[in-house]
Amino acid sequence: MRWILHWIVSAASLAVVAFVVPGIHVSSLTTLFIVALVLGIVNATLGLILKVLTFPLMVLTFGIFWFVINALMIELVAHMVKGFYVSGFGAAFIAAIVMAIVNTIMKWLMPKEDRS
């Protein structure tokens, strides 16, 4: 159940990004959920590998390079999913920043998991 809630939060974050960031376009609600799923899978696999390999750059740039990796993942997903368009790296970079902020706020507002 928690996984589905995270998926919905990611889709909502993408909706905010598509609304706020010029150059990001999602054609339908179905595409939005597909993009959220594919982006989650890509970030959990390729994104994780890239973040581990580029850890020294993360340290040197105080984590700003993390947004570069996330922007590249957003562009990759745009090439994989029809109906999701990113106009360029600049739009993807801004989208990565906005998505990180919106995800943080939404996950902060989510009910906490009861571990008792």
PDB file of N, CA and C in Angstrom:
ATOM      1  N   MET A   1       0.825  -1.192   0.000  1.00  0.00           N
ATOM      2  CA  MET A   1       0.000   0.000   0.000  1.00  0.00           C
ATOM      3  C   MET A   1       0.872   1.260   0.000  1.00  0.00           C
ATOM      4  N   ARG A   2       1.949   1.230   0.761  1.00  0.00           N
ATOM      5  CA  ARG A   2       2.849   2.387   0.847  1.00  0.00           C
ATOM      6  C   ARG A   2       3.460   2.682  -0.522  1.00  0.00           C
ATOM      7  N   TRP A   3       3.787   1.633  -1.275  1.00  0.00           N
ATOM      8  CA  TRP A   3       4.387   1.801  -2.600  1.00  0.00           C
ATOM      9  C   TRP A   3       3.431   2.542  -3.531  1.00  0.00           C
ATOM     10  N   ILE A   4       2.158   2.198  -3.470  1.00  0.00           N
ATOM     11  CA  ILE A   4       1.154   2.850  -4.315  1.00  0.00           C
ATOM     12  C   ILE A   4       1.031   4.326  -3.938  1.00  0.00           C
ATOM     13  N   LEU A   5       1.083   4.617  -2.639  1.00  0.00           N
ATOM     14  CA  LEU A   5       1.014   5.995  -2.189  1.00  0.00           C
ATOM     15  C   LEU A   5       2.208   6.800  -2.697  1.00  0.00           C
ATOM     16  N   HIS A   6       3.400   6.221  -2.678  1.00  0.00           N
ATOM     17  CA  HIS A   6       4.587   6.893  -3.213  1.00  0.00           C
ATOM     18  C   HIS A   6       4.458   7.118  -4.720  1.00  0.00           C
ATOM     19  N   TRP A   7       3.880   6.157  -5.419  1.00  0.00           N
ATOM     20  CA  TRP A   7       3.670   6.282  -6.860  1.00  0.00           C
ATOM     21  C   TRP A   7       2.719   7.443  -7.155  1.00  0.00           C
ATOM     22  N   ILE A   8       1.652   7.554  -6.376  1.00  0.00           N
ATOM     23  CA  ILE A   8       0.689   8.641  -6.559  1.00  0.00           C
ATOM     24  C   ILE A   8       1.344   9.989  -6.244  1.00  0.00           C
ATOM     25  N   VAL A   9       2.168  10.034  -5.204  1.00  0.00           N
ATOM     26  CA  VAL A   9       2.884  11.266  -4.861  1.00  0.00           C
ATOM     27  C   VAL A   9       3.832  11.658  -5.988  1.00  0.00           C
ATOM     28  N   SER A  10       4.526  10.688  -6.556  1.00  0.00           N
ATOM     29  CA  SER A  10       5.423  10.974  -7.682  1.00  0.00           C
ATOM     30  C   SER A  10       4.646  11.489  -8.889  1.00  0.00           C
ATOM     31  N   ALA A  11       3.504  10.897  -9.158  1.00  0.00           N
ATOM     32  CA  ALA A  11       2.671  11.356 -10.276  1.00  0.00           C
ATOM     33  C   ALA A  11       2.167  12.776 -10.020  1.00  0.00           C
ATOM     34  N   ALA A  12       1.781  13.068  -8.789  1.00  0.00           N
ATOM     35  CA  ALA A  12       1.332  14.419  -8.452  1.00  0.00           C
ATOM     36  C   ALA A  12       2.478  15.415  -8.595  1.00  0.00           C
ATOM     37  N   SER A  13       3.680  15.018  -8.186  1.00  0.00           N
ATOM     38  CA  SER A  13       4.857  15.881  -8.351  1.00  0.00           C
ATOM     39  C   SER A  13       5.118  16.157  -9.825  1.00  0.00           C
ATOM     40  N   LEU A  14       4.992  15.134 -10.643  1.00  0.00           N
ATOM     41  CA  LEU A  14       5.166  15.315 -12.083  1.00  0.00           C
ATOM     42  C   LEU A  14       4.105  16.249 -12.659  1.00  0.00           C
ATOM     43  N   ALA A  15       2.887  16.160 -12.150  1.00  0.00           N
ATOM     44  CA  ALA A  15       1.822  17.047 -12.620  1.00  0.00           C
ATOM     45  C   ALA A  15       2.159  18.499 -12.291  1.00  0.00           C
ATOM     46  N   VAL A  16       2.678  18.728 -11.087  1.00  0.00           N
ATOM     47  CA  VAL A  16       3.085  20.082 -10.706  1.00  0.00           C
ATOM     48  C   VAL A  16       4.220  20.558 -11.604  1.00  0.00           C
ATOM     49  N   VAL A  17       5.190  19.690 -11.849  1.00  0.00           N
ATOM     50  CA  VAL A  17       6.324  20.035 -12.712  1.00  0.00           C
ATOM     51  C   VAL A  17       5.832  20.381 -14.112  1.00  0.00           C
ATOM     52  N   ALA A  18       4.932  19.584 -14.656  1.00  0.00           N
ATOM     53  CA  ALA A  18       4.419  19.847 -16.007  1.00  0.00           C
ATOM     54  C   ALA A  18       3.649  21.167 -16.057  1.00  0.00           C
ATOM     55  N   PHE A  19       3.018  21.530 -14.954  1.00  0.00           N
ATOM     56  CA  PHE A  19       2.262  22.776 -14.905  1.00  0.00           C
ATOM     57  C   PHE A  19       3.178  23.989 -14.731  1.00  0.00           C
ATOM     58  N   VAL A  20       4.241  23.835 -13.954  1.00  0.00           N
ATOM     59  CA  VAL A  20       5.094  24.968 -13.575  1.00  0.00           C
ATOM     60  C   VAL A  20       6.259  25.196 -14.534  1.00  0.00           C
ATOM     61  N   VAL A  21       6.873  24.127 -15.014  1.00  0.00           N
ATOM     62  CA  VAL A  21       8.103  24.250 -15.802  1.00  0.00           C
ATOM     63  C   VAL A  21       7.781  24.322 -17.288  1.00  0.00           C
ATOM     64  N   PRO A  22       8.155  25.438 -17.938  1.00  0.00           N
ATOM     65  CA  PRO A  22       7.960  25.493 -19.389  1.00  0.00           C
ATOM     66  C   PRO A  22       8.907  24.504 -20.071  1.00  0.00           C
ATOM     67  N   GLY A  23       8.406  23.826 -21.078  1.00  0.00           N
ATOM     68  CA  GLY A  23       9.229  22.855 -21.782  1.00  0.00           C
ATOM     69  C   GLY A  23       8.973  21.422 -21.358  1.00  0.00           C
ATOM     70  N   ILE A  24       8.117  21.220 -20.350  1.00  0.00           N
ATOM     71  CA  ILE A  24       7.720  19.880 -19.909  1.00  0.00           C
ATOM     72  C   ILE A  24       6.245  19.726 -20.226  1.00  0.00           C
ATOM     73  N   HIS A  25       5.898  18.654 -20.927  1.00  0.00           N
ATOM     74  CA  HIS A  25       4.510  18.438 -21.332  1.00  0.00           C
ATOM     75  C   HIS A  25       4.151  16.963 -21.150  1.00  0.00           C
ATOM     76  N   VAL A  26       3.019  16.727 -20.510  1.00  0.00           N
ATOM     77  CA  VAL A  26       2.467  15.376 -20.352  1.00  0.00           C
ATOM     78  C   VAL A  26       1.106  15.380 -21.026  1.00  0.00           C
ATOM     79  N   SER A  27       0.898  14.440 -21.961  1.00  0.00           N
ATOM     80  CA  SER A  27      -0.301  14.483 -22.794  1.00  0.00           C
ATOM     81  C   SER A  27      -1.576  14.017 -22.104  1.00  0.00           C
ATOM     82  N   SER A  28      -1.477  13.118 -21.103  1.00  0.00           N
ATOM     83  CA  SER A  28      -2.701  12.625 -20.463  1.00  0.00           C
ATOM     84  C   SER A  28      -2.404  12.154 -19.046  1.00  0.00           C
ATOM     85  N   LEU A  29      -3.460  11.891 -18.312  1.00  0.00           N
ATOM     86  CA  LEU A  29      -3.325  11.392 -16.942  1.00  0.00           C
ATOM     87  C   LEU A  29      -2.692  10.002 -16.931  1.00  0.00           C
ATOM     88  N   THR A  30      -3.069   9.176 -17.884  1.00  0.00           N
ATOM     89  CA  THR A  30      -2.472   7.841 -17.988  1.00  0.00           C
ATOM     90  C   THR A  30      -0.976   7.941 -18.228  1.00  0.00           C
ATOM     91  N   THR A  31      -0.583   8.834 -19.129  1.00  0.00           N
ATOM     92  CA  THR A  31       0.840   9.042 -19.407  1.00  0.00           C
ATOM     93  C   THR A  31       1.563   9.523 -18.159  1.00  0.00           C
ATOM     94  N   LEU A  32       0.906  10.367 -17.383  1.00  0.00           N
ATOM     95  CA  LEU A  32       1.502  10.876 -16.145  1.00  0.00           C
ATOM     96  C   LEU A  32       1.849   9.734 -15.195  1.00  0.00           C
ATOM     97  N   PHE A  33       0.935   8.794 -15.019  1.00  0.00           N
ATOM     98  CA  PHE A  33       1.195   7.664 -14.128  1.00  0.00           C
ATOM     99  C   PHE A  33       2.245   6.715 -14.705  1.00  0.00           C
ATOM    100  N   ILE A  34       2.241   6.534 -16.013  1.00  0.00           N
ATOM    101  CA  ILE A  34       3.266   5.703 -16.650  1.00  0.00           C
ATOM    102  C   ILE A  34       4.641   6.335 -16.483  1.00  0.00           C
ATOM    103  N   VAL A  35       4.731   7.647 -16.681  1.00  0.00           N
ATOM    104  CA  VAL A  35       6.006   8.356 -16.522  1.00  0.00           C
ATOM    105  C   VAL A  35       6.494   8.235 -15.083  1.00  0.00           C
ATOM    106  N   ALA A  36       5.593   8.375 -14.111  1.00  0.00           N
ATOM    107  CA  ALA A  36       5.980   8.240 -12.703  1.00  0.00           C
ATOM    108  C   ALA A  36       6.537   6.845 -12.427  1.00  0.00           C
ATOM    109  N   LEU A  37       5.910   5.830 -12.990  1.00  0.00           N
ATOM    110  CA  LEU A  37       6.377   4.457 -12.798  1.00  0.00           C
ATOM    111  C   LEU A  37       7.732   4.228 -13.461  1.00  0.00           C
ATOM    112  N   VAL A  38       7.855   4.633 -14.721  1.00  0.00           N
ATOM    113  CA  VAL A  38       9.104   4.424 -15.458  1.00  0.00           C
ATOM    114  C   VAL A  38      10.238   5.235 -14.828  1.00  0.00           C
ATOM    115  N   LEU A  39       9.946   6.465 -14.411  1.00  0.00           N
ATOM    116  CA  LEU A  39      10.969   7.296 -13.778  1.00  0.00           C
ATOM    117  C   LEU A  39      11.428   6.673 -12.469  1.00  0.00           C
ATOM    118  N   GLY A  40      10.523   6.109 -11.721  1.00  0.00           N
ATOM    119  CA  GLY A  40      10.892   5.413 -10.484  1.00  0.00           C
ATOM    120  C   GLY A  40      11.787   4.219 -10.744  1.00  0.00           C
ATOM    121  N   ILE A  41      11.459   3.442 -11.769  1.00  0.00           N
ATOM    122  CA  ILE A  41      12.274   2.268 -12.112  1.00  0.00           C
ATOM    123  C   ILE A  41      13.644   2.688 -12.617  1.00  0.00           C
ATOM    124  N   VAL A  42      13.685   3.693 -13.493  1.00  0.00           N
ATOM    125  CA  VAL A  42      14.966   4.165 -14.036  1.00  0.00           C
ATOM    126  C   VAL A  42      15.835   4.750 -12.930  1.00  0.00           C
ATOM    127  N   ASN A  43      15.239   5.534 -12.026  1.00  0.00           N
ATOM    128  CA  ASN A  43      16.014   6.095 -10.921  1.00  0.00           C
ATOM    129  C   ASN A  43      16.511   5.020  -9.962  1.00  0.00           C
ATOM    130  N   ALA A  44      15.729   3.971  -9.766  1.00  0.00           N
ATOM    131  CA  ALA A  44      16.127   2.900  -8.857  1.00  0.00           C
ATOM    132  C   ALA A  44      17.220   2.011  -9.447  1.00  0.00           C
ATOM    133  N   THR A  45      17.371   2.010 -10.744  1.00  0.00           N
ATOM    134  CA  THR A  45      18.384   1.155 -11.375  1.00  0.00           C
ATOM    135  C   THR A  45      19.540   1.997 -11.912  1.00  0.00           C
ATOM    136  N   LEU A  46      19.351   2.567 -13.073  1.00  0.00           N
ATOM    137  CA  LEU A  46      20.413   3.335 -13.730  1.00  0.00           C
ATOM    138  C   LEU A  46      20.802   4.574 -12.926  1.00  0.00           C
ATOM    139  N   GLY A  47      19.803   5.262 -12.384  1.00  0.00           N
ATOM    140  CA  GLY A  47      20.079   6.453 -11.587  1.00  0.00           C
ATOM    141  C   GLY A  47      20.927   6.146 -10.372  1.00  0.00           C
ATOM    142  N   LEU A  48      20.623   5.041  -9.704  1.00  0.00           N
ATOM    143  CA  LEU A  48      21.397   4.635  -8.528  1.00  0.00           C
ATOM    144  C   LEU A  48      22.842   4.330  -8.908  1.00  0.00           C
ATOM    145  N   ILE A  49      23.027   3.617  -9.997  1.00  0.00           N
ATOM    146  CA  ILE A  49      24.385   3.296 -10.461  1.00  0.00           C
ATOM    147  C   ILE A  49      25.156   4.569 -10.782  1.00  0.00           C
ATOM    148  N   LEU A  50      24.521   5.492 -11.507  1.00  0.00           N
ATOM    149  CA  LEU A  50      25.191   6.749 -11.844  1.00  0.00           C
ATOM    150  C   LEU A  50      25.508   7.575 -10.606  1.00  0.00           C
ATOM    151  N   LYS A  51      24.625   7.577  -9.632  1.00  0.00           N
ATOM    152  CA  LYS A  51      24.866   8.347  -8.409  1.00  0.00           C
ATOM    153  C   LYS A  51      26.011   7.760  -7.598  1.00  0.00           C
ATOM    154  N   VAL A  52      26.133   6.458  -7.599  1.00  0.00           N
ATOM    155  CA  VAL A  52      27.267   5.827  -6.902  1.00  0.00           C
ATOM    156  C   VAL A  52      28.570   6.125  -7.634  1.00  0.00           C
ATOM    157  N   LEU A  53      28.559   6.010  -8.965  1.00  0.00           N
ATOM    158  CA  LEU A  53      29.778   6.246  -9.745  1.00  0.00           C
ATOM    159  C   LEU A  53      30.234   7.703  -9.703  1.00  0.00           C
ATOM    160  N   THR A  54      29.301   8.619  -9.580  1.00  0.00           N
ATOM    161  CA  THR A  54      29.658  10.041  -9.592  1.00  0.00           C
ATOM    162  C   THR A  54      29.671  10.642  -8.189  1.00  0.00           C
ATOM    163  N   PHE A  55      29.784   9.811  -7.182  1.00  0.00           N
ATOM    164  CA  PHE A  55      29.780  10.312  -5.803  1.00  0.00           C
ATOM    165  C   PHE A  55      30.838  11.385  -5.541  1.00  0.00           C
ATOM    166  N   PRO A  56      32.065  11.241  -6.071  1.00  0.00           N
ATOM    167  CA  PRO A  56      33.043  12.323  -5.850  1.00  0.00           C
ATOM    168  C   PRO A  56      32.564  13.679  -6.385  1.00  0.00           C
ATOM    169  N   LEU A  57      31.892  13.685  -7.533  1.00  0.00           N
ATOM    170  CA  LEU A  57      31.335  14.937  -8.054  1.00  0.00           C
ATOM    171  C   LEU A  57      30.220  15.467  -7.154  1.00  0.00           C
ATOM    172  N   MET A  58      29.460  14.560  -6.564  1.00  0.00           N
ATOM    173  CA  MET A  58      28.407  14.975  -5.637  1.00  0.00           C
ATOM    174  C   MET A  58      29.018  15.722  -4.462  1.00  0.00           C
ATOM    175  N   VAL A  59      30.113  15.172  -3.938  1.00  0.00           N
ATOM    176  CA  VAL A  59      30.776  15.793  -2.785  1.00  0.00           C
ATOM    177  C   VAL A  59      31.364  17.145  -3.186  1.00  0.00           C
ATOM    178  N   LEU A  60      32.039  17.196  -4.328  1.00  0.00           N
ATOM    179  CA  LEU A  60      32.670  18.440  -4.775  1.00  0.00           C
ATOM    180  C   LEU A  60      31.655  19.554  -5.055  1.00  0.00           C
ATOM    181  N   THR A  61      30.479  19.181  -5.544  1.00  0.00           N
ATOM    182  CA  THR A  61      29.475  20.190  -5.897  1.00  0.00           C
ATOM    183  C   THR A  61      28.406  20.342  -4.813  1.00  0.00           C
ATOM    184  N   PHE A  62      28.647  19.750  -3.650  1.00  0.00           N
ATOM    185  CA  PHE A  62      27.700  19.817  -2.534  1.00  0.00           C
ATOM    186  C   PHE A  62      26.312  19.312  -2.923  1.00  0.00           C
ATOM    187  N   GLY A  63      26.266  18.299  -3.767  1.00  0.00           N
ATOM    188  CA  GLY A  63      25.015  17.656  -4.142  1.00  0.00           C
ATOM    189  C   GLY A  63      24.316  18.228  -5.361  1.00  0.00           C
ATOM    190  N   ILE A  64      24.842  19.312  -5.909  1.00  0.00           N
ATOM    191  CA  ILE A  64      24.175  19.920  -7.073  1.00  0.00           C
ATOM    192  C   ILE A  64      24.226  18.992  -8.283  1.00  0.00           C
ATOM    193  N   PHE A  65      25.284  18.184  -8.383  1.00  0.00           N
ATOM    194  CA  PHE A  65      25.392  17.251  -9.515  1.00  0.00           C
ATOM    195  C   PHE A  65      24.261  16.220  -9.483  1.00  0.00           C
ATOM    196  N   TRP A  66      23.662  16.023  -8.319  1.00  0.00           N
ATOM    197  CA  TRP A  66      22.523  15.109  -8.187  1.00  0.00           C
ATOM    198  C   TRP A  66      21.397  15.549  -9.129  1.00  0.00           C
ATOM    199  N   PHE A  67      21.190  16.862  -9.255  1.00  0.00           N
ATOM    200  CA  PHE A  67      20.155  17.380 -10.146  1.00  0.00           C
ATOM    201  C   PHE A  67      20.497  17.118 -11.616  1.00  0.00           C
ATOM    202  N   VAL A  68      21.788  17.115 -11.936  1.00  0.00           N
ATOM    203  CA  VAL A  68      22.214  16.793 -13.303  1.00  0.00           C
ATOM    204  C   VAL A  68      21.837  15.355 -13.624  1.00  0.00           C
ATOM    205  N   ILE A  69      22.122  14.449 -12.705  1.00  0.00           N
ATOM    206  CA  ILE A  69      21.770  13.027 -12.902  1.00  0.00           C
ATOM    207  C   ILE A  69      20.248  12.892 -13.040  1.00  0.00           C
ATOM    208  N   ASN A  70      19.499  13.548 -12.156  1.00  0.00           N
ATOM    209  CA  ASN A  70      18.038  13.457 -12.230  1.00  0.00           C
ATOM    210  C   ASN A  70      17.503  14.056 -13.525  1.00  0.00           C
ATOM    211  N   ALA A  71      18.119  15.143 -13.998  1.00  0.00           N
ATOM    212  CA  ALA A  71      17.701  15.736 -15.273  1.00  0.00           C
ATOM    213  C   ALA A  71      17.952  14.766 -16.428  1.00  0.00           C
ATOM    214  N   LEU A  72      19.084  14.087 -16.387  1.00  0.00           N
ATOM    215  CA  LEU A  72      19.372  13.086 -17.426  1.00  0.00           C
ATOM    216  C   LEU A  72      18.371  11.941 -17.386  1.00  0.00           C
ATOM    217  N   MET A  73      17.952  11.540 -16.188  1.00  0.00           N
ATOM    218  CA  MET A  73      16.956  10.474 -16.057  1.00  0.00           C
ATOM    219  C   MET A  73      15.601  10.939 -16.606  1.00  0.00           C
ATOM    220  N   ILE A  74      15.254  12.201 -16.363  1.00  0.00           N
ATOM    221  CA  ILE A  74      14.000  12.750 -16.891  1.00  0.00           C
ATOM    222  C   ILE A  74      14.040  12.770 -18.417  1.00  0.00           C
ATOM    223  N   GLU A  75      15.174  13.191 -18.984  1.00  0.00           N
ATOM    224  CA  GLU A  75      15.294  13.191 -20.447  1.00  0.00           C
ATOM    225  C   GLU A  75      15.233  11.776 -21.014  1.00  0.00           C
ATOM    226  N   LEU A  76      15.851  10.823 -20.332  1.00  0.00           N
ATOM    227  CA  LEU A  76      15.811   9.430 -20.782  1.00  0.00           C
ATOM    228  C   LEU A  76      14.370   8.917 -20.803  1.00  0.00           C
ATOM    229  N   VAL A  77      13.631   9.189 -19.749  1.00  0.00           N
ATOM    230  CA  VAL A  77      12.231   8.748 -19.678  1.00  0.00           C
ATOM    231  C   VAL A  77      11.399   9.428 -20.757  1.00  0.00           C
ATOM    232  N   ALA A  78      11.713  10.680 -21.077  1.00  0.00           N
ATOM    233  CA  ALA A  78      10.987  11.377 -22.150  1.00  0.00           C
ATOM    234  C   ALA A  78      11.193  10.681 -23.492  1.00  0.00           C
ATOM    235  N   HIS A  79      12.354  10.081 -23.682  1.00  0.00           N
ATOM    236  CA  HIS A  79      12.603   9.333 -24.924  1.00  0.00           C
ATOM    237  C   HIS A  79      11.929   7.963 -24.909  1.00  0.00           C
ATOM    238  N   MET A  80      11.624   7.458 -23.721  1.00  0.00           N
ATOM    239  CA  MET A  80      11.055   6.124 -23.595  1.00  0.00           C
ATOM    240  C   MET A  80       9.523   6.120 -23.633  1.00  0.00           C
ATOM    241  N   VAL A  81       8.898   7.172 -23.128  1.00  0.00           N
ATOM    242  CA  VAL A  81       7.439   7.200 -22.973  1.00  0.00           C
ATOM    243  C   VAL A  81       6.824   8.204 -23.943  1.00  0.00           C
ATOM    244  N   LYS A  82       5.953   7.699 -24.810  1.00  0.00           N
ATOM    245  CA  LYS A  82       5.249   8.587 -25.738  1.00  0.00           C
ATOM    246  C   LYS A  82       4.248   9.423 -24.952  1.00  0.00           C
ATOM    247  N   GLY A  83       4.166  10.692 -25.306  1.00  0.00           N
ATOM    248  CA  GLY A  83       3.247  11.586 -24.626  1.00  0.00           C
ATOM    249  C   GLY A  83       3.901  12.392 -23.519  1.00  0.00           C
ATOM    250  N   PHE A  84       5.186  12.142 -23.260  1.00  0.00           N
ATOM    251  CA  PHE A  84       5.938  12.913 -22.267  1.00  0.00           C
ATOM    252  C   PHE A  84       7.069  13.607 -23.007  1.00  0.00           C
ATOM    253  N   TYR A  85       7.030  14.937 -23.029  1.00  0.00           N
ATOM    254  CA  TYR A  85       7.984  15.704 -23.810  1.00  0.00           C
ATOM    255  C   TYR A  85       8.787  16.646 -22.927  1.00  0.00           C
ATOM    256  N   VAL A  86      10.088  16.676 -23.183  1.00  0.00           N
ATOM    257  CA  VAL A  86      11.002  17.598 -22.504  1.00  0.00           C
ATOM    258  C   VAL A  86      11.740  18.346 -23.605  1.00  0.00           C
ATOM    259  N   SER A  87      11.688  19.671 -23.560  1.00  0.00           N
ATOM    260  CA  SER A  87      12.246  20.468 -24.658  1.00  0.00           C
ATOM    261  C   SER A  87      13.764  20.506 -24.679  1.00  0.00           C
ATOM    262  N   GLY A  88      14.414  20.236 -23.572  1.00  0.00           N
ATOM    263  CA  GLY A  88      15.870  20.269 -23.554  1.00  0.00           C
ATOM    264  C   GLY A  88      16.408  20.042 -22.158  1.00  0.00           C
ATOM    265  N   PHE A  89      17.742  20.078 -22.045  1.00  0.00           N
ATOM    266  CA  PHE A  89      18.362  19.805 -20.757  1.00  0.00           C
ATOM    267  C   PHE A  89      18.017  20.874 -19.724  1.00  0.00           C
ATOM    268  N   GLY A  90      17.917  22.125 -20.144  1.00  0.00           N
ATOM    269  CA  GLY A  90      17.568  23.203 -19.213  1.00  0.00           C
ATOM    270  C   GLY A  90      16.225  22.959 -18.554  1.00  0.00           C
ATOM    271  N   ALA A  91      15.241  22.585 -19.351  1.00  0.00           N
ATOM    272  CA  ALA A  91      13.911  22.285 -18.810  1.00  0.00           C
ATOM    273  C   ALA A  91      13.968  21.068 -17.892  1.00  0.00           C
ATOM    274  N   ALA A  92      14.746  20.063 -18.273  1.00  0.00           N
ATOM    275  CA  ALA A  92      14.873  18.863 -17.444  1.00  0.00           C
ATOM    276  C   ALA A  92      15.562  19.185 -16.122  1.00  0.00           C
ATOM    277  N   PHE A  93      16.565  20.067 -16.160  1.00  0.00           N
ATOM    278  CA  PHE A  93      17.291  20.447 -14.944  1.00  0.00           C
ATOM    279  C   PHE A  93      16.372  21.197 -13.983  1.00  0.00           C
ATOM    280  N   ILE A  94      15.614  22.150 -14.514  1.00  0.00           N
ATOM    281  CA  ILE A  94      14.659  22.885 -13.672  1.00  0.00           C
ATOM    282  C   ILE A  94      13.585  21.927 -13.151  1.00  0.00           C
ATOM    283  N   ALA A  95      13.146  21.001 -13.995  1.00  0.00           N
ATOM    284  CA  ALA A  95      12.156  20.010 -13.575  1.00  0.00           C
ATOM    285  C   ALA A  95      12.693  19.146 -12.443  1.00  0.00           C
ATOM    286  N   ALA A  96      13.965  18.776 -12.496  1.00  0.00           N
ATOM    287  CA  ALA A  96      14.567  17.968 -11.431  1.00  0.00           C
ATOM    288  C   ALA A  96      14.567  18.727 -10.109  1.00  0.00           C
ATOM    289  N   ILE A  97      14.863  20.008 -10.157  1.00  0.00           N
ATOM    290  CA  ILE A  97      14.866  20.820  -8.940  1.00  0.00           C
ATOM    291  C   ILE A  97      13.455  20.967  -8.378  1.00  0.00           C
ATOM    292  N   VAL A  98      12.509  21.324  -9.251  1.00  0.00           N
ATOM    293  CA  VAL A  98      11.119  21.500  -8.809  1.00  0.00           C
ATOM    294  C   VAL A  98      10.561  20.184  -8.289  1.00  0.00           C
ATOM    295  N   MET A  99      10.862  19.090  -8.967  1.00  0.00           N
ATOM    296  CA  MET A  99      10.358  17.791  -8.536  1.00  0.00           C
ATOM    297  C   MET A  99      10.914  17.407  -7.164  1.00  0.00           C
ATOM    298  N   ALA A 100      12.181  17.694  -6.929  1.00  0.00           N
ATOM    299  CA  ALA A 100      12.773  17.397  -5.625  1.00  0.00           C
ATOM    300  C   ALA A 100      12.085  18.201  -4.522  1.00  0.00           C
ATOM    301  N   ILE A 101      11.809  19.459  -4.781  1.00  0.00           N
ATOM    302  CA  ILE A 101      11.145  20.305  -3.789  1.00  0.00           C
ATOM    303  C   ILE A 101       9.716  19.820  -3.528  1.00  0.00           C
ATOM    304  N   VAL A 102       8.979  19.568  -4.595  1.00  0.00           N
ATOM    305  CA  VAL A 102       7.588  19.130  -4.449  1.00  0.00           C
ATOM    306  C   VAL A 102       7.525  17.755  -3.784  1.00  0.00           C
ATOM    307  N   ASN A 103       8.393  16.832  -4.169  1.00  0.00           N
ATOM    308  CA  ASN A 103       8.431  15.504  -3.534  1.00  0.00           C
ATOM    309  C   ASN A 103       8.718  15.619  -2.044  1.00  0.00           C
ATOM    310  N   THR A 104       9.659  16.470  -1.687  1.00  0.00           N
ATOM    311  CA  THR A 104      10.003  16.650  -0.277  1.00  0.00           C
ATOM    312  C   THR A 104       8.805  17.167   0.507  1.00  0.00           C
ATOM    313  N   ILE A 105       8.135  18.173  -0.040  1.00  0.00           N
ATOM    314  CA  ILE A 105       6.961  18.736   0.649  1.00  0.00           C
ATOM    315  C   ILE A 105       5.848  17.696   0.759  1.00  0.00           C
ATOM    316  N   MET A 106       5.573  16.988  -0.334  1.00  0.00           N
ATOM    317  CA  MET A 106       4.476  16.007  -0.317  1.00  0.00           C
ATOM    318  C   MET A 106       4.782  14.836   0.620  1.00  0.00           C
ATOM    319  N   LYS A 107       6.008  14.357   0.623  1.00  0.00           N
ATOM    320  CA  LYS A 107       6.349  13.243   1.517  1.00  0.00           C
ATOM    321  C   LYS A 107       6.363  13.686   2.970  1.00  0.00           C
ATOM    322  N   TRP A 108       6.662  14.968   3.217  1.00  0.00           N
ATOM    323  CA  TRP A 108       6.605  15.506   4.560  1.00  0.00           C
ATOM    324  C   TRP A 108       5.157  15.549   5.057  1.00  0.00           C
ATOM    325  N   LEU A 109       4.230  15.811   4.134  1.00  0.00           N
ATOM    326  CA  LEU A 109       2.816  15.893   4.493  1.00  0.00           C
ATOM    327  C   LEU A 109       2.134  14.523   4.584  1.00  0.00           C
ATOM    328  N   MET A 110       2.777  13.490   4.020  1.00  0.00           N
ATOM    329  CA  MET A 110       2.195  12.140   4.045  1.00  0.00           C
ATOM    330  C   MET A 110       2.146  11.609   5.479  1.00  0.00           C
ATOM    331  N   PRO A 111       1.155  10.759   5.777  1.00  0.00           N
ATOM    332  CA  PRO A 111       1.119  10.156   7.105  1.00  0.00           C
ATOM    333  C   PRO A 111       2.340   9.267   7.315  1.00  0.00           C
ATOM    334  N   LYS A 112       2.842   9.312   8.521  1.00  0.00           N
ATOM    335  CA  LYS A 112       4.033   8.511   8.847  1.00  0.00           C
ATOM    336  C   LYS A 112       3.637   7.045   9.005  1.00  0.00           C
ATOM    337  N   GLU A 113       4.583   6.177   8.651  1.00  0.00           N
ATOM    338  CA  GLU A 113       4.357   4.732   8.748  1.00  0.00           C
ATOM    339  C   GLU A 113       4.434   4.309  10.205  1.00  0.00           C
ATOM    340  N   ASP A 114       3.445   3.544  10.665  1.00  0.00           N
ATOM    341  CA  ASP A 114       3.426   3.061  12.051  1.00  0.00           C
ATOM    342  C   ASP A 114       4.237   1.775  12.122  1.00  0.00           C
ATOM    343  N   ARG A 115       5.314   1.782  12.887  1.00  0.00           N
ATOM    344  CA  ARG A 115       6.201   0.616  12.965  1.00  0.00           C
ATOM    345  C   ARG A 115       6.022  -0.155  14.279  1.00  0.00           C
ATOM    346  N   SER A 116       4.861  -0.068  14.888  1.00  0.00           N
ATOM    347  CA  SER A 116       4.688  -0.778  16.156  1.00  0.00           C
ATOM    348  C   SER A 116       4.154  -2.167  15.990  1.00  0.00           C
TER     349      SER A 116
END
